[in-house]
């Protein structure tokens, strides 16, 4: 079932759903026509790697962040704003005290 959320910064809407084979499919852009699928095992690993940490979502030199971790996993599409919202919605994290930060549980 599709869920509609705001991006992490609240700038736009997107939709996501869990699909067969344990994947998250994102629907975004004009009319939600663009799609991206992320393997659930990467999502689960992300939660474990950043467990109990507060980090930036996007790339910052010399700071641990979600975007660089995704790039190391071969994910070149910029999906951090979507993932940040999903992680918060699914209660794996919450917004950090500073803008662009996410606090994992």
N, C-alpha and C. Protein backbone atom coordinates (compact mmCIF):
# COMPACT_ATOMS: atom_id res chain seq x y z
N UNK A 1 0.83 -1.18 0.00
CA UNK A 1 0.00 0.00 0.00
C UNK A 1 0.88 1.25 0.00
N UNK A 2 0.60 2.18 -0.88
CA UNK A 2 1.37 3.42 -0.98
C UNK A 2 1.09 4.33 0.21
N UNK A 3 2.17 4.91 0.73
CA UNK A 3 2.06 5.90 1.79
C UNK A 3 2.63 7.20 1.25
N UNK A 4 1.95 8.30 1.47
CA UNK A 4 2.42 9.61 1.01
C UNK A 4 3.02 10.36 2.20
N UNK A 5 4.24 10.84 2.01
CA UNK A 5 4.96 11.58 3.05
C UNK A 5 5.56 12.84 2.45
N UNK A 6 6.01 13.73 3.33
CA UNK A 6 6.82 14.87 2.92
C UNK A 6 8.28 14.48 2.99
N UNK A 7 9.10 15.04 2.14
CA UNK A 7 10.54 14.81 2.22
C UNK A 7 11.03 15.29 3.58
N UNK A 8 12.24 14.90 3.95
CA UNK A 8 12.78 15.20 5.27
C UNK A 8 12.76 16.69 5.58
N UNK A 9 13.02 17.52 4.58
CA UNK A 9 13.02 18.97 4.79
C UNK A 9 11.63 19.58 4.59
N UNK A 10 10.65 18.77 4.24
CA UNK A 10 9.28 19.23 4.08
C UNK A 10 9.01 19.94 2.77
N UNK A 11 9.95 19.89 1.83
CA UNK A 11 9.83 20.64 0.59
C UNK A 11 8.91 20.06 -0.45
N UNK A 12 8.69 18.77 -0.44
CA UNK A 12 7.80 18.17 -1.44
C UNK A 12 7.27 16.83 -0.95
N UNK A 13 6.29 16.33 -1.66
CA UNK A 13 5.68 15.06 -1.31
C UNK A 13 6.27 13.94 -2.17
N UNK A 14 6.21 12.74 -1.63
CA UNK A 14 6.57 11.55 -2.37
C UNK A 14 5.74 10.41 -1.81
N UNK A 15 5.77 9.29 -2.48
CA UNK A 15 5.08 8.10 -2.00
C UNK A 15 6.08 6.95 -1.94
N UNK A 16 5.79 6.01 -1.04
CA UNK A 16 6.62 4.81 -0.98
C UNK A 16 5.76 3.63 -0.60
N UNK A 17 6.29 2.46 -0.91
CA UNK A 17 5.62 1.21 -0.57
C UNK A 17 6.64 0.11 -0.44
N UNK A 18 6.33 -0.85 0.39
CA UNK A 18 7.11 -2.08 0.45
C UNK A 18 6.52 -3.01 -0.59
N UNK A 19 7.38 -3.57 -1.44
CA UNK A 19 6.90 -4.47 -2.49
C UNK A 19 7.50 -5.85 -2.28
N UNK A 20 6.96 -6.81 -3.00
CA UNK A 20 7.43 -8.20 -2.86
C UNK A 20 8.93 -8.28 -3.06
N UNK A 21 9.53 -9.22 -2.39
CA UNK A 21 10.97 -9.36 -2.48
C UNK A 21 11.70 -8.45 -1.50
N UNK A 22 10.96 -7.87 -0.55
CA UNK A 22 11.55 -7.02 0.48
C UNK A 22 12.28 -5.82 -0.10
N UNK A 23 11.57 -5.02 -0.89
CA UNK A 23 12.13 -3.80 -1.47
C UNK A 23 11.23 -2.62 -1.14
N UNK A 24 11.86 -1.47 -1.00
CA UNK A 24 11.12 -0.22 -0.87
C UNK A 24 11.10 0.43 -2.25
N UNK A 25 9.92 0.77 -2.73
CA UNK A 25 9.83 1.49 -4.00
C UNK A 25 9.37 2.91 -3.70
N UNK A 26 10.18 3.87 -4.16
CA UNK A 26 9.87 5.29 -4.04
C UNK A 26 9.19 5.76 -5.31
N UNK A 27 8.20 6.63 -5.16
CA UNK A 27 7.52 7.28 -6.27
C UNK A 27 7.65 8.78 -6.00
N UNK A 28 8.32 9.50 -6.88
CA UNK A 28 8.58 10.91 -6.61
C UNK A 28 8.59 11.72 -7.89
N UNK A 29 8.80 13.01 -7.75
CA UNK A 29 8.81 13.89 -8.92
C UNK A 29 7.41 14.29 -9.34
N UNK A 30 7.32 14.96 -10.46
CA UNK A 30 6.06 15.45 -10.98
C UNK A 30 5.10 14.29 -11.21
N UNK A 31 3.98 14.29 -10.51
CA UNK A 31 3.00 13.22 -10.65
C UNK A 31 3.46 11.88 -10.10
N UNK A 32 4.53 11.88 -9.31
CA UNK A 32 5.10 10.67 -8.71
C UNK A 32 5.48 9.63 -9.78
N UNK A 33 5.87 10.11 -10.96
CA UNK A 33 6.17 9.21 -12.07
C UNK A 33 7.56 8.61 -12.02
N UNK A 34 8.48 9.27 -11.32
CA UNK A 34 9.82 8.69 -11.20
C UNK A 34 9.81 7.64 -10.10
N UNK A 35 10.55 6.57 -10.33
CA UNK A 35 10.56 5.47 -9.37
C UNK A 35 11.99 5.04 -9.07
N UNK A 36 12.18 4.58 -7.85
CA UNK A 36 13.47 4.03 -7.44
C UNK A 36 13.19 2.94 -6.44
N UNK A 37 13.86 1.80 -6.58
CA UNK A 37 13.69 0.69 -5.63
C UNK A 37 14.98 0.47 -4.85
N UNK A 38 14.82 0.27 -3.56
CA UNK A 38 15.94 0.01 -2.66
C UNK A 38 15.72 -1.33 -2.01
N UNK A 39 16.74 -2.18 -2.05
CA UNK A 39 16.65 -3.49 -1.43
C UNK A 39 16.48 -3.34 0.08
N UNK A 40 15.56 -4.09 0.64
CA UNK A 40 15.29 -4.03 2.07
C UNK A 40 16.49 -4.38 2.93
N UNK A 41 17.39 -5.21 2.41
CA UNK A 41 18.57 -5.57 3.20
C UNK A 41 19.49 -4.36 3.40
N UNK A 42 19.55 -3.46 2.41
CA UNK A 42 20.34 -2.23 2.56
C UNK A 42 19.68 -1.32 3.58
N UNK A 43 18.37 -1.22 3.52
CA UNK A 43 17.61 -0.42 4.50
C UNK A 43 17.86 -0.94 5.91
N UNK A 44 17.77 -2.25 6.09
CA UNK A 44 18.01 -2.85 7.40
C UNK A 44 19.44 -2.63 7.88
N UNK A 45 20.40 -2.77 6.97
CA UNK A 45 21.80 -2.54 7.32
C UNK A 45 22.03 -1.08 7.71
N UNK A 46 21.42 -0.16 7.00
CA UNK A 46 21.51 1.26 7.32
C UNK A 46 21.07 1.52 8.76
N UNK A 47 19.95 0.93 9.14
CA UNK A 47 19.44 1.09 10.50
C UNK A 47 20.43 0.56 11.52
N UNK A 48 21.06 -0.58 11.23
CA UNK A 48 22.02 -1.16 12.17
C UNK A 48 23.32 -0.36 12.24
N UNK A 49 23.83 0.08 11.10
CA UNK A 49 25.09 0.82 11.06
C UNK A 49 24.99 2.13 11.83
N UNK A 50 23.85 2.81 11.73
CA UNK A 50 23.70 4.13 12.35
C UNK A 50 22.93 4.08 13.68
N UNK A 51 22.67 2.89 14.17
CA UNK A 51 21.91 2.72 15.41
C UNK A 51 22.52 3.57 16.53
N UNK A 52 21.67 4.33 17.20
CA UNK A 52 22.02 5.20 18.33
C UNK A 52 22.96 6.35 17.98
N UNK A 53 23.09 6.64 16.69
CA UNK A 53 23.94 7.76 16.25
C UNK A 53 23.07 8.89 15.72
N UNK A 54 23.57 10.09 15.84
CA UNK A 54 22.97 11.26 15.19
C UNK A 54 23.95 11.73 14.14
N UNK A 55 23.51 11.72 12.88
CA UNK A 55 24.38 12.05 11.76
C UNK A 55 23.64 12.94 10.77
N UNK A 56 24.38 13.52 9.84
CA UNK A 56 23.77 14.29 8.76
C UNK A 56 23.23 13.31 7.71
N UNK A 57 22.17 13.69 7.08
CA UNK A 57 21.65 12.88 5.98
C UNK A 57 22.52 13.02 4.74
N UNK A 58 22.90 14.24 4.41
CA UNK A 58 23.63 14.49 3.17
C UNK A 58 25.12 14.62 3.41
N UNK A 59 25.86 14.56 2.32
CA UNK A 59 27.33 14.59 2.34
C UNK A 59 27.86 15.84 3.06
N UNK A 60 28.80 15.60 3.94
CA UNK A 60 29.57 16.66 4.61
C UNK A 60 30.98 16.12 4.74
N UNK A 61 31.96 16.93 4.35
CA UNK A 61 33.36 16.50 4.46
C UNK A 61 33.70 16.15 5.90
N UNK A 62 34.39 15.06 6.07
CA UNK A 62 34.94 14.64 7.36
C UNK A 62 33.89 14.38 8.44
N UNK A 63 32.66 14.11 8.05
CA UNK A 63 31.61 13.73 9.00
C UNK A 63 30.89 12.50 8.46
N UNK A 64 30.60 11.58 9.35
CA UNK A 64 29.82 10.41 8.97
C UNK A 64 28.43 10.89 8.54
N UNK A 65 27.94 10.36 7.42
CA UNK A 65 26.62 10.76 6.93
C UNK A 65 25.99 9.64 6.11
N UNK A 66 24.69 9.69 5.98
CA UNK A 66 23.94 8.64 5.30
C UNK A 66 24.23 8.62 3.80
N UNK A 67 24.33 9.78 3.17
CA UNK A 67 24.55 9.84 1.72
C UNK A 67 25.84 9.12 1.32
N UNK A 68 26.94 9.39 2.01
CA UNK A 68 28.21 8.74 1.67
C UNK A 68 28.13 7.23 1.89
N UNK A 69 27.42 6.81 2.94
CA UNK A 69 27.27 5.38 3.20
C UNK A 69 26.51 4.72 2.06
N UNK A 70 25.45 5.37 1.59
CA UNK A 70 24.68 4.82 0.46
C UNK A 70 25.54 4.73 -0.80
N UNK A 71 26.37 5.74 -1.04
CA UNK A 71 27.25 5.72 -2.21
C UNK A 71 28.21 4.54 -2.12
N UNK A 72 28.74 4.27 -0.94
CA UNK A 72 29.63 3.11 -0.75
C UNK A 72 28.89 1.80 -1.03
N UNK A 73 27.58 1.79 -0.85
CA UNK A 73 26.76 0.61 -1.13
C UNK A 73 26.32 0.55 -2.59
N UNK A 74 26.77 1.52 -3.40
CA UNK A 74 26.44 1.52 -4.82
C UNK A 74 25.19 2.29 -5.18
N UNK A 75 24.61 3.02 -4.23
CA UNK A 75 23.40 3.80 -4.50
C UNK A 75 23.83 5.21 -4.88
N UNK A 76 23.75 5.54 -6.15
CA UNK A 76 24.18 6.85 -6.64
C UNK A 76 23.04 7.86 -6.70
N UNK A 77 21.79 7.39 -6.71
CA UNK A 77 20.63 8.27 -6.75
C UNK A 77 20.46 8.93 -5.39
N UNK A 78 20.23 10.22 -5.38
CA UNK A 78 20.10 10.97 -4.12
C UNK A 78 18.72 10.71 -3.53
N UNK A 79 18.67 9.83 -2.55
CA UNK A 79 17.39 9.44 -1.94
C UNK A 79 17.34 9.73 -0.45
N UNK A 80 18.32 10.45 0.09
CA UNK A 80 18.39 10.63 1.54
C UNK A 80 17.19 11.38 2.10
N UNK A 81 16.68 12.36 1.40
CA UNK A 81 15.53 13.11 1.90
C UNK A 81 14.29 12.23 2.01
N UNK A 82 14.17 11.28 1.10
CA UNK A 82 13.06 10.33 1.16
C UNK A 82 13.29 9.31 2.27
N UNK A 83 14.49 8.74 2.31
CA UNK A 83 14.79 7.75 3.33
C UNK A 83 14.68 8.32 4.74
N UNK A 84 15.13 9.55 4.92
CA UNK A 84 15.03 10.17 6.23
C UNK A 84 13.58 10.22 6.71
N UNK A 85 12.68 10.59 5.83
CA UNK A 85 11.26 10.63 6.18
C UNK A 85 10.71 9.24 6.48
N UNK A 86 11.10 8.27 5.66
CA UNK A 86 10.63 6.89 5.88
C UNK A 86 11.14 6.37 7.21
N UNK A 87 12.41 6.59 7.50
CA UNK A 87 12.98 6.12 8.77
C UNK A 87 12.25 6.73 9.96
N UNK A 88 11.89 8.01 9.87
CA UNK A 88 11.14 8.66 10.95
C UNK A 88 9.72 8.11 11.02
N UNK A 89 9.06 7.96 9.89
CA UNK A 89 7.70 7.45 9.85
C UNK A 89 7.62 6.04 10.45
N UNK A 90 8.62 5.22 10.13
CA UNK A 90 8.64 3.85 10.63
C UNK A 90 9.29 3.74 12.01
N UNK A 91 9.58 4.89 12.62
CA UNK A 91 10.07 4.99 14.00
C UNK A 91 11.44 4.36 14.25
N UNK A 92 12.29 4.36 13.22
CA UNK A 92 13.68 3.92 13.38
C UNK A 92 14.58 5.10 13.72
N UNK A 93 14.05 6.32 13.54
CA UNK A 93 14.85 7.52 13.78
C UNK A 93 13.90 8.69 14.02
N UNK A 94 14.49 9.82 14.35
CA UNK A 94 13.73 11.07 14.46
C UNK A 94 14.63 12.19 13.98
N UNK A 95 14.02 13.34 13.69
CA UNK A 95 14.82 14.47 13.24
C UNK A 95 15.76 14.91 14.35
N UNK A 96 16.97 15.25 13.96
CA UNK A 96 17.96 15.71 14.93
C UNK A 96 17.67 17.14 15.35
N UNK A 97 18.45 17.62 16.32
CA UNK A 97 18.26 18.97 16.85
C UNK A 97 18.67 20.04 15.83
N UNK A 98 19.62 19.72 14.96
CA UNK A 98 20.05 20.67 13.94
C UNK A 98 19.47 20.28 12.59
N UNK A 99 19.28 21.28 11.74
CA UNK A 99 18.73 21.04 10.40
C UNK A 99 19.60 20.04 9.62
N UNK A 100 18.95 19.09 8.97
CA UNK A 100 19.66 18.11 8.16
C UNK A 100 20.24 16.94 8.94
N UNK A 101 19.98 16.90 10.24
CA UNK A 101 20.48 15.81 11.08
C UNK A 101 19.36 14.82 11.37
N UNK A 102 19.74 13.55 11.49
CA UNK A 102 18.80 12.49 11.83
C UNK A 102 19.38 11.70 13.00
N UNK A 103 18.51 11.42 13.97
CA UNK A 103 18.93 10.68 15.17
C UNK A 103 18.30 9.29 15.11
N UNK A 104 19.15 8.29 14.97
CA UNK A 104 18.68 6.90 14.91
C UNK A 104 18.42 6.38 16.32
N UNK A 105 17.42 5.51 16.42
CA UNK A 105 17.05 4.90 17.71
C UNK A 105 17.77 3.58 17.89
